[in-house]
Protein backbone atom coordinates (compact mmCIF):
# COMPACT_ATOMS: atom_id res chain seq x y z
CA MET A 1 46.77 83.68 117.55
CA THR A 2 49.83 81.47 118.11
CA ASP A 3 52.77 81.95 115.44
CA PRO A 4 53.75 78.58 114.10
CA ALA A 5 57.28 79.99 114.59
CA ASP A 6 57.11 80.01 118.24
CA GLU A 7 55.65 76.10 118.56
CA PRO A 8 58.04 73.68 119.54
CA ALA A 9 59.56 71.60 116.73
CA PRO A 10 58.60 67.99 116.67
CA SER A 11 60.73 65.23 118.27
CA LEU A 12 63.18 63.30 116.09
CA HIS A 13 62.83 60.26 118.09
CA PRO A 14 59.68 58.11 118.66
CA PRO A 15 57.54 58.49 121.86
CA ARG A 16 59.05 57.13 125.04
CA ARG A 17 57.98 53.87 126.21
CA ARG A 18 56.14 53.39 129.79
CA ARG A 19 58.41 52.90 132.70
CA HIS A 20 57.49 51.54 136.02
CA ALA A 21 57.50 53.89 138.93
CA ALA A 22 60.58 52.33 140.16
CA ASP A 23 62.78 53.55 137.47
CA GLU A 24 65.23 56.09 138.47
CA PRO A 25 63.94 59.69 138.32
CA VAL A 26 67.34 60.86 137.11
CA VAL A 27 66.72 58.79 133.84
CA ASP A 28 63.17 61.03 133.19
CA ALA A 29 65.38 64.05 133.99
CA ALA A 30 68.11 63.25 131.37
CA ILE A 31 65.64 62.48 128.56
CA ALA A 32 63.85 65.88 129.40
CA ILE A 33 67.15 67.46 128.75
CA VAL A 34 68.14 66.01 125.51
CA GLU A 35 64.46 66.61 124.26
CA ARG A 36 64.71 69.89 124.91
CA ALA A 37 67.95 70.50 123.56
CA GLN A 38 66.84 68.86 120.36
CA GLN A 39 63.92 71.25 120.08
CA ALA A 40 66.28 74.16 120.52
CA MET A 41 68.70 72.70 117.64
CA ALA A 42 65.47 72.28 115.54
CA VAL A 43 64.99 76.16 115.22
CA GLN A 44 68.56 77.19 115.08
CA PRO A 45 70.10 78.20 111.82
CA THR A 46 72.43 75.85 110.75
CA LEU A 47 76.06 77.28 110.65
CA PRO A 48 79.32 76.02 108.74
CA LEU A 49 81.50 73.82 110.46
CA LEU A 50 84.46 75.50 109.13
CA GLU A 51 85.47 79.22 109.44
CA GLU A 52 86.44 80.91 106.34
CA PRO A 53 89.94 80.62 105.44
CA SER A 54 92.29 83.26 106.62
CA ALA A 55 94.53 85.49 104.33
CA PRO A 56 97.99 84.19 103.80
CA TYR A 57 99.63 87.04 105.56
CA ARG A 58 99.22 89.11 108.57
CA LEU A 59 99.04 92.85 108.68
CA ARG A 60 102.13 94.43 109.91
CA PRO A 61 101.85 97.10 112.37
CA VAL A 62 103.80 100.87 111.68
CA PRO A 63 105.28 101.67 115.05
CA GLY A 64 103.76 104.51 117.10
CA THR A 65 100.76 105.16 114.60
CA GLY A 66 98.10 102.52 115.24
CA LEU A 67 98.34 101.67 111.42
CA ALA A 68 98.66 97.93 110.13
CA VAL A 69 99.26 97.36 106.60
CA HIS A 70 99.61 94.81 104.08
CA PRO A 71 103.12 93.24 103.57
CA LEU A 72 103.74 95.15 100.23
CA LEU A 73 103.38 99.01 99.96
CA VAL A 74 102.79 99.95 96.12
CA THR A 75 104.42 103.32 95.27
CA ALA A 76 102.99 105.45 92.61
CA ALA A 77 105.84 107.08 91.27
CA ARG A 78 105.48 105.91 87.94
CA PHE A 79 101.49 106.40 87.59
CA GLY A 80 100.44 108.66 85.08
CA THR A 81 103.93 108.89 83.24
CA THR A 82 105.37 105.68 81.99
CA VAL A 83 102.21 104.08 83.58
CA PRO A 84 99.22 105.38 81.96
CA ALA A 85 96.45 106.02 84.40
CA GLY A 86 94.59 103.57 83.45
CA GLU A 87 96.79 100.69 83.76
CA ALA A 88 97.56 102.33 87.26
CA HIS A 89 94.03 101.99 88.30
CA ARG A 90 94.22 98.21 87.16
CA ILE A 91 97.53 97.74 89.54
CA LEU A 92 95.80 99.35 92.38
CA ASP A 93 92.69 97.20 91.73
CA ALA A 94 94.58 94.10 91.54
CA HIS A 95 96.64 95.13 94.70
CA ALA A 96 93.40 95.63 96.66
CA GLU A 97 92.22 92.43 95.74
CA ILE A 98 94.90 90.59 97.18
CA GLY A 99 94.45 92.52 100.27
CA GLY A 100 96.61 95.46 99.78
CA THR A 101 96.26 98.58 102.11
CA ALA A 102 99.02 101.00 101.71
CA ILE A 103 100.12 103.28 98.64
CA GLU A 104 102.66 105.63 98.53
CA VAL A 105 102.65 108.83 96.51
CA PRO A 106 105.43 111.31 95.60
CA ASP A 107 105.00 115.08 95.77
CA THR A 108 105.76 115.77 92.12
CA ARG A 109 105.52 119.12 90.04
CA SER A 110 103.22 117.64 87.46
CA GLY A 111 100.67 116.13 90.14
CA ARG A 112 100.04 113.28 87.85
CA GLN A 113 100.82 110.44 90.04
CA GLU A 114 99.03 112.11 93.03
CA GLU A 115 95.67 112.52 90.87
CA THR A 116 95.82 109.30 89.43
CA VAL A 117 95.73 107.55 93.02
CA GLY A 118 93.12 110.58 94.26
CA ALA A 119 90.81 109.53 91.30
CA TRP A 120 91.19 105.78 92.41
CA LEU A 121 90.58 106.38 95.82
CA ALA A 122 87.50 108.23 95.18
CA THR A 123 85.83 106.17 92.21
CA ARG A 124 86.49 102.94 94.19
CA ARG A 125 85.75 104.46 97.70
CA ARG A 126 88.73 102.99 99.23
CA ARG A 127 90.05 105.84 101.39
CA GLU A 128 88.91 104.66 104.53
CA ARG A 129 90.55 101.30 103.86
CA THR A 130 93.96 102.69 102.69
CA ALA A 131 97.04 104.25 104.20
CA VAL A 132 98.14 107.23 102.36
CA PHE A 133 102.09 107.50 102.65
CA ALA A 134 103.52 110.42 100.91
CA ARG A 135 107.26 111.51 100.00
CA VAL A 136 107.83 115.03 100.05
CA GLY A 137 111.22 117.29 99.63
CA LEU A 138 112.32 115.23 96.72
CA PRO A 139 115.26 117.14 95.01
CA GLU A 140 113.78 116.70 91.36
CA GLU A 141 110.36 117.63 92.42
CA HIS A 142 109.71 120.09 95.29
CA PRO A 143 113.13 120.43 97.35
CA GLY A 144 113.33 121.35 100.95
CA SER A 145 111.68 120.67 104.15
CA SER A 146 111.36 124.28 105.63
CA ALA A 147 108.26 125.23 107.38
CA ALA A 148 106.96 126.67 104.28
CA ALA A 149 107.90 124.07 101.88
CA LEU A 150 106.08 121.15 104.26
CA ALA A 151 103.25 123.21 104.44
CA ALA A 152 102.83 123.88 100.79
CA ALA A 153 103.56 120.06 99.99
CA VAL A 154 100.90 119.09 102.03
CA GLU A 155 98.39 121.24 100.95
CA ARG A 156 99.21 120.13 97.40
CA LEU A 157 98.90 116.26 98.38
CA ARG A 158 95.69 116.50 100.10
CA THR A 159 94.05 118.50 97.13
CA ARG A 160 95.38 116.15 94.43
CA LEU A 161 94.41 113.15 96.60
CA ARG A 162 90.82 114.51 97.48
CA THR A 163 91.64 113.82 101.20
CA ASP A 164 91.93 115.42 104.55
CA ARG A 165 94.98 113.63 105.73
CA ILE A 166 98.11 111.91 104.72
CA ASP A 167 98.50 108.84 107.20
CA VAL A 168 102.30 108.86 106.82
CA LEU A 169 104.61 111.81 105.65
CA THR A 170 108.17 110.78 104.55
CA LEU A 171 110.85 113.24 104.22
CA ALA A 172 112.61 112.06 101.38
CA VAL A 173 116.06 113.18 101.84
CA HIS A 174 118.33 115.19 104.51
CA ASP A 175 117.53 118.86 103.68
CA ARG A 176 120.99 120.57 104.74
CA ALA A 177 119.58 124.22 103.83
CA THR A 178 117.25 123.96 106.92
CA SER A 179 117.72 123.32 110.39
CA LEU A 180 116.30 120.16 111.94
CA GLU A 181 114.52 122.21 114.50
CA GLU A 182 112.75 124.12 111.88
CA THR A 183 111.70 120.95 109.96
CA LEU A 184 110.39 119.15 113.33
CA VAL A 185 108.44 122.38 114.67
CA ALA A 186 106.69 122.79 111.13
CA LEU A 187 105.83 118.83 111.19
CA ALA A 188 104.64 119.35 115.12
CA GLY A 189 101.91 121.90 113.74
CA LEU A 190 100.81 119.56 110.73
CA LEU A 191 100.33 116.68 113.29
CA GLU A 192 98.45 118.81 115.79
CA SER A 193 96.11 120.13 113.09
CA GLY A 194 95.32 116.55 111.95
CA ARG A 195 96.82 117.05 108.34
CA ILE A 196 99.14 114.44 108.84
CA GLY A 197 99.21 111.32 110.89
CA ALA A 198 102.81 110.48 111.39
CA VAL A 199 106.29 111.33 110.19
CA ALA A 200 108.80 108.94 108.53
CA ALA A 201 112.48 109.39 107.46
CA GLY A 202 113.82 108.46 103.84
CA ALA A 203 117.09 108.28 102.61
CA HIS A 204 118.58 109.73 105.98
CA SER A 205 121.81 108.81 107.83
CA ALA A 206 122.24 107.11 110.86
CA GLU A 207 123.54 110.28 112.31
CA ARG A 208 120.57 112.22 111.40
CA LEU A 209 118.29 109.80 112.75
CA ILE A 210 119.98 109.89 116.06
CA GLU A 211 120.10 113.91 115.99
CA ALA A 212 116.31 113.98 115.12
CA ARG A 213 115.52 111.62 118.00
CA VAL A 214 117.73 113.89 120.32
CA ALA A 215 116.09 117.00 119.34
CA ALA A 216 112.52 115.45 119.64
CA GLY A 217 113.29 114.20 123.36
CA GLN A 218 114.46 117.54 124.29
CA ARG A 219 111.95 119.97 122.79
CA GLY A 220 108.92 117.60 122.88
CA LEU A 221 108.88 117.40 118.93
CA PRO A 222 107.67 114.75 116.62
CA ARG A 223 109.70 111.47 116.29
CA PHE A 224 110.24 109.36 113.39
CA VAL A 225 108.21 106.36 113.38
CA ALA A 226 109.87 104.63 110.21
CA ALA A 227 112.72 105.19 107.85
CA SER A 228 112.93 104.00 103.84
CA PRO A 229 116.34 102.94 103.18
CA VAL A 230 117.71 101.31 99.93
CA TYR A 231 117.63 97.75 101.20
CA SER A 232 117.67 94.32 99.47
CA VAL A 233 119.29 90.86 99.61
CA LEU A 234 121.63 92.12 97.06
CA GLU A 235 122.19 95.62 98.36
CA ARG A 236 122.19 95.01 102.13
CA ALA A 237 125.47 96.00 103.78
CA SER A 238 125.04 99.95 104.23
CA TYR A 239 121.76 99.39 105.85
CA GLU A 240 122.63 96.45 108.10
CA THR A 241 126.17 97.85 109.14
CA ALA A 242 124.90 101.33 110.15
CA LEU A 243 121.14 101.97 109.97
CA ALA A 244 119.63 98.59 111.14
CA PRO A 245 121.11 99.34 114.65
CA ILE A 246 119.63 102.82 115.02
CA LEU A 247 116.13 101.24 113.77
CA ALA A 248 116.48 98.67 116.26
CA ALA A 249 117.12 101.00 119.41
CA GLN A 250 114.66 103.78 118.30
CA GLU A 251 112.12 101.10 117.55
CA LEU A 252 111.44 102.27 114.05
CA GLY A 253 109.60 100.30 111.08
CA CYS A 254 111.48 99.82 107.96
CA PHE A 255 109.89 100.45 104.34
CA PRO A 256 112.84 99.19 101.87
CA ARG A 257 112.99 100.83 98.79
CA SER A 258 114.47 99.15 95.84
CA PRO A 259 113.76 95.48 97.28
CA LEU A 260 114.38 94.02 93.77
CA ALA A 261 117.40 95.77 93.02
CA GLY A 262 115.76 98.03 90.10
CA GLY A 263 114.60 94.53 88.72
CA PHE A 264 117.58 92.78 88.73
CA LEU A 265 116.27 90.38 91.20
CA THR A 266 113.12 89.41 89.15
CA GLY A 267 115.40 86.72 87.50
CA SER A 268 115.22 88.11 84.01
CA SER A 269 117.76 90.58 84.17
CA ALA A 270 120.31 88.55 85.78
CA SER A 271 121.49 86.16 83.30
CA ARG A 272 123.64 87.02 80.39
CA THR A 273 120.89 86.42 77.71
CA GLY A 274 118.55 88.52 79.81
CA ARG A 275 120.89 91.55 80.00
CA LYS A 276 121.41 91.33 76.37
CA ARG A 277 117.85 91.56 75.92
CA LEU A 278 117.28 94.24 78.19
CA ARG A 279 119.99 96.21 76.38
CA GLU A 280 118.14 96.09 73.08
CA LEU A 281 114.84 97.22 74.77
CA ASP A 282 115.90 99.59 77.42
CA PRO A 283 119.54 100.87 76.89
CA GLU A 284 119.56 103.19 79.99
CA ARG A 285 118.03 100.59 82.60
CA ALA A 286 120.54 98.08 81.11
CA ASP A 287 123.39 100.37 82.12
CA ARG A 288 122.05 100.84 85.54
CA LEU A 289 121.79 96.98 86.03
CA ALA A 290 125.09 96.32 84.60
CA ALA A 291 126.98 97.33 87.76
CA LEU A 292 124.76 94.76 89.58
CA ALA A 293 125.90 92.00 87.43
CA SER A 294 129.34 91.23 89.15
CA ARG A 295 130.35 87.71 90.34
CA ARG A 296 128.65 88.33 93.74
CA GLY A 297 125.33 89.85 92.21
CA VAL A 298 125.00 86.97 89.62
CA ARG A 299 125.73 84.48 92.77
CA VAL A 300 123.04 86.18 94.58
CA ALA A 301 120.51 86.18 91.44
CA GLU A 302 121.12 82.46 91.26
CA ALA A 303 120.46 81.75 94.91
CA VAL A 304 117.34 83.47 94.64
CA GLY A 305 116.31 81.77 91.69
CA ALA A 306 117.12 78.04 93.00
CA ILE A 307 114.94 78.66 95.81
CA ALA A 308 112.20 79.92 93.34
CA ARG A 309 112.48 77.12 91.28
CA GLU A 310 112.47 74.59 94.06
CA ARG A 311 109.35 76.39 95.73
CA GLY A 312 107.51 76.99 92.45
CA VAL A 313 107.17 80.67 93.21
CA PRO A 314 108.39 83.66 91.47
CA THR A 315 111.64 84.62 91.48
CA SER A 316 110.93 88.29 93.00
CA ALA A 317 108.65 86.52 95.50
CA VAL A 318 111.58 85.02 97.17
CA ALA A 319 113.78 88.28 97.51
CA LEU A 320 110.63 90.00 98.93
CA ALA A 321 110.34 87.23 101.31
CA TRP A 322 113.84 87.38 102.30
CA LEU A 323 113.22 91.03 103.26
CA LEU A 324 110.06 90.27 105.02
CA SER A 325 111.94 88.04 107.21
CA ARG A 326 114.26 90.46 108.43
CA PRO A 327 113.79 92.64 111.83
CA TYR A 328 111.57 95.81 111.67
CA VAL A 329 110.87 95.43 107.95
CA VAL A 330 107.12 96.33 107.79
CA ALA A 331 106.80 96.45 103.86
CA PRO A 332 109.16 96.62 100.90
CA VAL A 333 108.18 99.53 98.65
CA VAL A 334 107.11 97.83 95.03
CA GLY A 335 106.44 99.63 91.93
CA PRO A 336 104.49 97.23 89.36
CA SER A 337 104.28 98.50 86.10
CA ALA A 338 101.26 96.41 85.10
CA ALA A 339 98.57 94.73 86.60
CA GLY A 340 99.69 91.20 85.94
CA GLU A 341 102.91 91.72 87.84
CA VAL A 342 100.86 92.32 91.10
CA PRO A 343 100.29 88.39 91.86
CA ALA A 344 103.82 87.60 91.59
CA LEU A 345 104.79 90.28 94.05
CA ALA A 346 101.80 89.24 96.54
CA ALA A 347 103.21 85.54 96.84
CA ALA A 348 105.90 87.14 98.88
CA ALA A 349 103.26 87.88 101.63
CA ALA A 350 102.34 84.18 101.83
CA LEU A 351 105.95 82.74 101.45
CA ARG A 352 107.80 81.58 104.63
CA LEU A 353 111.53 80.87 103.94
CA THR A 354 113.02 77.95 105.75
CA ARG A 355 115.97 78.47 108.19
CA ALA A 356 118.17 76.64 105.44
CA GLU A 357 116.93 78.79 102.46
CA THR A 358 117.59 82.05 104.27
CA THR A 359 120.95 80.96 105.37
CA ALA A 360 121.82 79.91 101.74
CA LEU A 361 120.66 83.58 100.63
CA ASP A 362 122.70 85.21 103.70
CA ARG A 363 125.59 83.33 102.51
CA ALA A 364 125.47 84.13 98.60
CA SER A 365 124.88 87.83 99.66
CA ALA A 366 127.59 88.10 102.17
CA GLY A 367 130.73 90.41 101.66
């Protein structure tokens, strides 16, 4: 019995007229080809004429790791403390919705930040689609980068995050009490065991990065793949004069910390009215930002705000887009305190500043 689906589809054209034998044979052959093509098309599924639109950003590679991440790295530094766990999960949901792929967690005494992220990864089943960055050796939490301290930190993180592996382990600060060789040997063991995937530097000086690379080369020990210095359009001198040449020479990725200068570059804290309101709501934070409200600081904030108004985007997006235009920057580290802040931050990933806009920001922040 013949399956109707196997039968050729009817022709869309009327029967051919009879022609004289003198007609060219090539005409018969051409018509036969057209009819076969029509029959084949009739049984083919119809496909859309256009592909789905691509994401308005590109994943950025983390040098030496095989990882590629979204242009924003969300930190969990305030999760479970000033940001309740429920809101933290909503922030991570919003980040995932805009394509976010990387989360940074600190190694803390309380464990609330890590456990909050671990619960989200488990309940949302996002571990295989999320790169986990972790900061260890924080002076106010678990200081030190000795072999014992690093082993304990990784075990705490793996348990709290409900994962077998930390994708990128960042040494938060330079531990002067531990030899660099001991730290690198301990990291080599963690890498070999598969408990971590790569190692990054935190607030390390240019001299320390050079020392680490020399030691790694001489002993065949792990190399840093990235650094995480304080860097923004407002606070750029110390990074660009000392660290940037080292990152370029060693081909390290940069994950800028405090990319919005503690909130000063969000727009609301730069004006005199905004600072007065902030002092009424949060005097401690207002004091921290007061030092940035110099003539130069206000000039930078105004330049960022002017571009934001002209482009119709959030002020924070312009400040982050400037960073994303800089060499070796992979993803700024951002810390939203509410899910509603994520879209404004995410706008930076799709924003391409013009040469004139970049030049205006460079001039405003020079000196």
